[in-house]
């Protein structure tokens, strides 16, 4: 598995950066090696994700749990 240098948020099927462009480092707990940078979420990012989830729920709600 290739680890990317930076990770954003998966919102509405797309990887997007934080609205304030901030990142925090992610470390391998066994070695302390820095693995990647992870986007920090803001209130705006949470609102965007919640809206995308609510819109997706409308279409997914038409399917049964066996489909």
PDB file of N, CA and C in Angstrom:
ATOM      1  N   UNK A   1       0.843  -1.165   0.000  1.00  0.00           N
ATOM      2  CA  UNK A   1       0.000   0.000   0.000  1.00  0.00           C
ATOM      3  C   UNK A   1       0.895   1.237   0.000  1.00  0.00           C
ATOM      4  N   UNK A   2       0.650   2.110  -0.934  1.00  0.00           N
ATOM      5  CA  UNK A   2       1.422   3.347  -1.012  1.00  0.00           C
ATOM      6  C   UNK A   2       0.746   4.420  -0.147  1.00  0.00           C
ATOM      7  N   UNK A   3       1.526   5.048   0.695  1.00  0.00           N
ATOM      8  CA  UNK A   3       1.009   6.113   1.550  1.00  0.00           C
ATOM      9  C   UNK A   3       1.260   7.441   0.852  1.00  0.00           C
ATOM     10  N   UNK A   4       0.190   8.207   0.694  1.00  0.00           N
ATOM     11  CA  UNK A   4       0.324   9.510   0.048  1.00  0.00           C
ATOM     12  C   UNK A   4       0.907  10.532   1.008  1.00  0.00           C
ATOM     13  N   UNK A   5       1.462  11.584   0.450  1.00  0.00           N
ATOM     14  CA  UNK A   5       2.062  12.624   1.280  1.00  0.00           C
ATOM     15  C   UNK A   5       1.007  13.382   2.079  1.00  0.00           C
ATOM     16  N   UNK A   6      -0.175  13.589   1.473  1.00  0.00           N
ATOM     17  CA  UNK A   6      -1.261  14.316   2.148  1.00  0.00           C
ATOM     18  C   UNK A   6      -2.593  13.630   1.899  1.00  0.00           C
ATOM     19  N   UNK A   7      -3.453  13.724   2.910  1.00  0.00           N
ATOM     20  CA  UNK A   7      -4.819  13.213   2.802  1.00  0.00           C
ATOM     21  C   UNK A   7      -5.791  14.317   3.171  1.00  0.00           C
ATOM     22  N   UNK A   8      -6.853  14.421   2.393  1.00  0.00           N
ATOM     23  CA  UNK A   8      -7.911  15.370   2.682  1.00  0.00           C
ATOM     24  C   UNK A   8      -9.100  14.653   3.304  1.00  0.00           C
ATOM     25  N   UNK A   9     -10.261  15.231   3.095  1.00  0.00           N
ATOM     26  CA  UNK A   9     -11.517  14.647   3.577  1.00  0.00           C
ATOM     27  C   UNK A   9     -12.250  14.043   2.387  1.00  0.00           C
ATOM     28  N   UNK A  10     -12.870  12.900   2.587  1.00  0.00           N
ATOM     29  CA  UNK A  10     -13.686  12.291   1.548  1.00  0.00           C
ATOM     30  C   UNK A  10     -15.114  12.812   1.737  1.00  0.00           C
ATOM     31  N   UNK A  11     -15.501  13.751   0.880  1.00  0.00           N
ATOM     32  CA  UNK A  11     -16.819  14.377   0.959  1.00  0.00           C
ATOM     33  C   UNK A  11     -17.464  14.292  -0.413  1.00  0.00           C
ATOM     34  N   UNK A  12     -18.648  13.709  -0.450  1.00  0.00           N
ATOM     35  CA  UNK A  12     -19.411  13.587  -1.689  1.00  0.00           C
ATOM     36  C   UNK A  12     -18.620  12.821  -2.755  1.00  0.00           C
ATOM     37  N   UNK A  13     -17.882  11.804  -2.293  1.00  0.00           N
ATOM     38  CA  UNK A  13     -17.140  10.958  -3.221  1.00  0.00           C
ATOM     39  C   UNK A  13     -15.836  11.546  -3.746  1.00  0.00           C
ATOM     40  N   UNK A  14     -15.452  12.697  -3.226  1.00  0.00           N
ATOM     41  CA  UNK A  14     -14.214  13.348  -3.683  1.00  0.00           C
ATOM     42  C   UNK A  14     -13.307  13.615  -2.494  1.00  0.00           C
ATOM     43  N   UNK A  15     -12.008  13.534  -2.724  1.00  0.00           N
ATOM     44  CA  UNK A  15     -11.038  13.891  -1.695  1.00  0.00           C
ATOM     45  C   UNK A  15     -10.829  15.398  -1.783  1.00  0.00           C
ATOM     46  N   UNK A  16     -11.137  16.105  -0.710  1.00  0.00           N
ATOM     47  CA  UNK A  16     -11.013  17.569  -0.694  1.00  0.00           C
ATOM     48  C   UNK A  16     -10.131  17.995   0.471  1.00  0.00           C
ATOM     49  N   UNK A  17      -9.461  19.118   0.308  1.00  0.00           N
ATOM     50  CA  UNK A  17      -8.631  19.646   1.392  1.00  0.00           C
ATOM     51  C   UNK A  17      -9.513  20.404   2.369  1.00  0.00           C
ATOM     52  N   UNK A  18      -8.987  20.642   3.537  1.00  0.00           N
ATOM     53  CA  UNK A  18      -9.700  21.405   4.554  1.00  0.00           C
ATOM     54  C   UNK A  18      -9.961  22.823   4.050  1.00  0.00           C
ATOM     55  N   UNK A  19     -11.076  23.397   4.464  1.00  0.00           N
ATOM     56  CA  UNK A  19     -11.418  24.740   3.992  1.00  0.00           C
ATOM     57  C   UNK A  19     -10.405  25.781   4.447  1.00  0.00           C
ATOM     58  N   UNK A  20      -9.674  25.507   5.532  1.00  0.00           N
ATOM     59  CA  UNK A  20      -8.641  26.469   5.956  1.00  0.00           C
ATOM     60  C   UNK A  20      -7.225  26.003   5.582  1.00  0.00           C
ATOM     61  N   UNK A  21      -7.147  24.934   4.795  1.00  0.00           N
ATOM     62  CA  UNK A  21      -5.874  24.411   4.273  1.00  0.00           C
ATOM     63  C   UNK A  21      -4.909  23.959   5.373  1.00  0.00           C
ATOM     64  N   UNK A  22      -5.410  23.597   6.544  1.00  0.00           N
ATOM     65  CA  UNK A  22      -4.513  23.172   7.623  1.00  0.00           C
ATOM     66  C   UNK A  22      -4.386  21.647   7.648  1.00  0.00           C
ATOM     67  N   UNK A  23      -3.213  21.195   8.054  1.00  0.00           N
ATOM     68  CA  UNK A  23      -2.904  19.771   8.133  1.00  0.00           C
ATOM     69  C   UNK A  23      -2.194  19.473   9.447  1.00  0.00           C
ATOM     70  N   UNK A  24      -2.297  18.229   9.904  1.00  0.00           N
ATOM     71  CA  UNK A  24      -1.533  17.753  11.050  1.00  0.00           C
ATOM     72  C   UNK A  24      -0.761  16.519  10.609  1.00  0.00           C
ATOM     73  N   UNK A  25       0.414  16.308  11.180  1.00  0.00           N
ATOM     74  CA  UNK A  25       1.180  15.120  10.810  1.00  0.00           C
ATOM     75  C   UNK A  25       0.591  13.853  11.423  1.00  0.00           C
ATOM     76  N   UNK A  26       0.772  12.745  10.716  1.00  0.00           N
ATOM     77  CA  UNK A  26       0.357  11.427  11.182  1.00  0.00           C
ATOM     78  C   UNK A  26       1.619  10.580  11.288  1.00  0.00           C
ATOM     79  N   UNK A  27       1.790   9.914  12.423  1.00  0.00           N
ATOM     80  CA  UNK A  27       3.015   9.164  12.695  1.00  0.00           C
ATOM     81  C   UNK A  27       2.750   7.679  12.854  1.00  0.00           C
ATOM     82  N   UNK A  28       3.722   6.878  12.472  1.00  0.00           N
ATOM     83  CA  UNK A  28       3.694   5.446  12.728  1.00  0.00           C
ATOM     84  C   UNK A  28       3.941   5.265  14.222  1.00  0.00           C
ATOM     85  N   UNK A  29       3.003   4.677  14.964  1.00  0.00           N
ATOM     86  CA  UNK A  29       3.178   4.563  16.409  1.00  0.00           C
ATOM     87  C   UNK A  29       4.308   3.623  16.807  1.00  0.00           C
ATOM     88  N   UNK A  30       4.674   2.706  15.940  1.00  0.00           N
ATOM     89  CA  UNK A  30       5.736   1.753  16.274  1.00  0.00           C
ATOM     90  C   UNK A  30       7.125   2.351  16.102  1.00  0.00           C
ATOM     91  N   UNK A  31       7.267   3.263  15.124  1.00  0.00           N
ATOM     92  CA  UNK A  31       8.600   3.783  14.817  1.00  0.00           C
ATOM     93  C   UNK A  31       8.747   5.275  15.061  1.00  0.00           C
ATOM     94  N   UNK A  32       7.637   5.981  15.164  1.00  0.00           N
ATOM     95  CA  UNK A  32       7.685   7.434  15.291  1.00  0.00           C
ATOM     96  C   UNK A  32       7.910   8.147  13.975  1.00  0.00           C
ATOM     97  N   UNK A  33       8.027   7.386  12.893  1.00  0.00           N
ATOM     98  CA  UNK A  33       8.233   7.975  11.563  1.00  0.00           C
ATOM     99  C   UNK A  33       6.981   8.724  11.120  1.00  0.00           C
ATOM    100  N   UNK A  34       7.183   9.926  10.559  1.00  0.00           N
ATOM    101  CA  UNK A  34       6.041  10.658  10.018  1.00  0.00           C
ATOM    102  C   UNK A  34       5.615   9.990   8.722  1.00  0.00           C
ATOM    103  N   UNK A  35       4.343   9.649   8.638  1.00  0.00           N
ATOM    104  CA  UNK A  35       3.825   8.950   7.471  1.00  0.00           C
ATOM    105  C   UNK A  35       3.204   9.886   6.456  1.00  0.00           C
ATOM    106  N   UNK A  36       2.414  10.828   6.936  1.00  0.00           N
ATOM    107  CA  UNK A  36       1.613  11.640   6.037  1.00  0.00           C
ATOM    108  C   UNK A  36       1.141  12.889   6.770  1.00  0.00           C
ATOM    109  N   UNK A  37       0.475  13.762   6.016  1.00  0.00           N
ATOM    110  CA  UNK A  37      -0.217  14.904   6.603  1.00  0.00           C
ATOM    111  C   UNK A  37      -1.714  14.680   6.411  1.00  0.00           C
ATOM    112  N   UNK A  38      -2.486  14.935   7.444  1.00  0.00           N
ATOM    113  CA  UNK A  38      -3.932  14.716   7.436  1.00  0.00           C
ATOM    114  C   UNK A  38      -4.628  16.063   7.568  1.00  0.00           C
ATOM    115  N   UNK A  39      -5.603  16.313   6.698  1.00  0.00           N
ATOM    116  CA  UNK A  39      -6.333  17.583   6.734  1.00  0.00           C
ATOM    117  C   UNK A  39      -7.097  17.734   8.034  1.00  0.00           C
ATOM    118  N   UNK A  40      -7.040  18.923   8.615  1.00  0.00           N
ATOM    119  CA  UNK A  40      -7.837  19.254   9.803  1.00  0.00           C
ATOM    120  C   UNK A  40      -9.227  19.682   9.337  1.00  0.00           C
ATOM    121  N   UNK A  41     -10.235  19.260  10.029  1.00  0.00           N
ATOM    122  CA  UNK A  41     -11.587  19.632   9.675  1.00  0.00           C
ATOM    123  C   UNK A  41     -12.046  20.896  10.388  1.00  0.00           C
ATOM    124  N   UNK A  42     -12.785  21.712   9.686  1.00  0.00           N
ATOM    125  CA  UNK A  42     -13.368  22.919  10.247  1.00  0.00           C
ATOM    126  C   UNK A  42     -14.881  22.746  10.334  1.00  0.00           C
ATOM    127  N   UNK A  43     -15.552  23.693  10.936  1.00  0.00           N
ATOM    128  CA  UNK A  43     -17.015  23.667  10.985  1.00  0.00           C
ATOM    129  C   UNK A  43     -17.578  23.619   9.570  1.00  0.00           C
ATOM    130  N   UNK A  44     -16.982  24.360   8.650  1.00  0.00           N
ATOM    131  CA  UNK A  44     -17.442  24.376   7.264  1.00  0.00           C
ATOM    132  C   UNK A  44     -17.288  23.000   6.611  1.00  0.00           C
ATOM    133  N   UNK A  45     -16.186  22.308   6.924  1.00  0.00           N
ATOM    134  CA  UNK A  45     -15.976  20.968   6.380  1.00  0.00           C
ATOM    135  C   UNK A  45     -17.028  19.997   6.910  1.00  0.00           C
ATOM    136  N   UNK A  46     -17.330  20.093   8.193  1.00  0.00           N
ATOM    137  CA  UNK A  46     -18.346  19.231   8.797  1.00  0.00           C
ATOM    138  C   UNK A  46     -19.713  19.526   8.177  1.00  0.00           C
ATOM    139  N   UNK A  47     -20.037  20.792   7.999  1.00  0.00           N
ATOM    140  CA  UNK A  47     -21.314  21.165   7.385  1.00  0.00           C
ATOM    141  C   UNK A  47     -21.411  20.612   5.963  1.00  0.00           C
ATOM    142  N   UNK A  48     -20.335  20.703   5.209  1.00  0.00           N
ATOM    143  CA  UNK A  48     -20.312  20.193   3.835  1.00  0.00           C
ATOM    144  C   UNK A  48     -20.495  18.677   3.815  1.00  0.00           C
ATOM    145  N   UNK A  49     -19.813  17.980   4.720  1.00  0.00           N
ATOM    146  CA  UNK A  49     -19.939  16.527   4.793  1.00  0.00           C
ATOM    147  C   UNK A  49     -21.350  16.120   5.214  1.00  0.00           C
ATOM    148  N   UNK A  50     -21.930  16.837   6.170  1.00  0.00           N
ATOM    149  CA  UNK A  50     -23.288  16.509   6.634  1.00  0.00           C
ATOM    150  C   UNK A  50     -24.309  16.729   5.527  1.00  0.00           C
ATOM    151  N   UNK A  51     -24.145  17.796   4.765  1.00  0.00           N
ATOM    152  CA  UNK A  51     -25.055  18.060   3.650  1.00  0.00           C
ATOM    153  C   UNK A  51     -24.928  16.971   2.591  1.00  0.00           C
ATOM    154  N   UNK A  52     -23.708  16.578   2.257  1.00  0.00           N
ATOM    155  CA  UNK A  52     -23.491  15.523   1.263  1.00  0.00           C
ATOM    156  C   UNK A  52     -24.105  14.206   1.746  1.00  0.00           C
ATOM    157  N   UNK A  53     -23.955  13.900   3.032  1.00  0.00           N
ATOM    158  CA  UNK A  53     -24.517  12.665   3.581  1.00  0.00           C
ATOM    159  C   UNK A  53     -26.042  12.692   3.558  1.00  0.00           C
ATOM    160  N   UNK A  54     -26.633  13.831   3.879  1.00  0.00           N
ATOM    161  CA  UNK A  54     -28.090  13.946   3.862  1.00  0.00           C
ATOM    162  C   UNK A  54     -28.637  13.773   2.451  1.00  0.00           C
ATOM    163  N   UNK A  55     -27.950  14.343   1.474  1.00  0.00           N
ATOM    164  CA  UNK A  55     -28.396  14.203   0.081  1.00  0.00           C
ATOM    165  C   UNK A  55     -28.238  12.760  -0.388  1.00  0.00           C
ATOM    166  N   UNK A  56     -27.145  12.104   0.003  1.00  0.00           N
ATOM    167  CA  UNK A  56     -26.934  10.707  -0.384  1.00  0.00           C
ATOM    168  C   UNK A  56     -27.971   9.801   0.268  1.00  0.00           C
ATOM    169  N   UNK A  57     -28.354  10.113   1.503  1.00  0.00           N
ATOM    170  CA  UNK A  57     -29.323   9.286   2.217  1.00  0.00           C
ATOM    171  C   UNK A  57     -30.670   9.258   1.499  1.00  0.00           C
ATOM    172  N   UNK A  58     -31.018  10.344   0.831  1.00  0.00           N
ATOM    173  CA  UNK A  58     -32.291  10.387   0.103  1.00  0.00           C
ATOM    174  C   UNK A  58     -32.314   9.338  -1.001  1.00  0.00           C
ATOM    175  N   UNK A  59     -31.228   9.229  -1.759  1.00  0.00           N
ATOM    176  CA  UNK A  59     -31.211   8.257  -2.849  1.00  0.00           C
ATOM    177  C   UNK A  59     -30.980   6.841  -2.331  1.00  0.00           C
ATOM    178  N   UNK A  60     -30.142   6.664  -1.310  1.00  0.00           N
ATOM    179  CA  UNK A  60     -29.900   5.336  -0.776  1.00  0.00           C
ATOM    180  C   UNK A  60     -31.112   4.802  -0.032  1.00  0.00           C
ATOM    181  N   UNK A  61     -31.959   5.674   0.449  1.00  0.00           N
ATOM    182  CA  UNK A  61     -33.148   5.247   1.169  1.00  0.00           C
ATOM    183  C   UNK A  61     -34.145   4.487   0.312  1.00  0.00           C
ATOM    184  N   UNK A  62     -33.994   4.573  -1.003  1.00  0.00           N
ATOM    185  CA  UNK A  62     -34.898   3.855  -1.915  1.00  0.00           C
ATOM    186  C   UNK A  62     -34.560   2.385  -2.021  1.00  0.00           C
ATOM    187  N   UNK A  63     -33.384   1.977  -1.547  1.00  0.00           N
ATOM    188  CA  UNK A  63     -32.942   0.602  -1.677  1.00  0.00           C
ATOM    189  C   UNK A  63     -33.222  -0.190  -0.402  1.00  0.00           C
ATOM    190  N   UNK A  64     -33.483  -1.476  -0.579  1.00  0.00           N
ATOM    191  CA  UNK A  64     -33.655  -2.326   0.597  1.00  0.00           C
ATOM    192  C   UNK A  64     -32.280  -2.695   1.160  1.00  0.00           C
ATOM    193  N   UNK A  65     -32.263  -3.266   2.346  1.00  0.00           N
ATOM    194  CA  UNK A  65     -30.971  -3.601   2.955  1.00  0.00           C
ATOM    195  C   UNK A  65     -30.331  -4.815   2.293  1.00  0.00           C
ATOM    196  N   UNK A  66     -31.003  -5.472   1.365  1.00  0.00           N
ATOM    197  CA  UNK A  66     -30.401  -6.618   0.660  1.00  0.00           C
ATOM    198  C   UNK A  66     -29.885  -6.250  -0.723  1.00  0.00           C
ATOM    199  N   UNK A  67     -30.120  -5.031  -1.166  1.00  0.00           N
ATOM    200  CA  UNK A  67     -29.635  -4.626  -2.490  1.00  0.00           C
ATOM    201  C   UNK A  67     -28.232  -4.098  -2.408  1.00  0.00           C
TER     202      UNK A  67
END
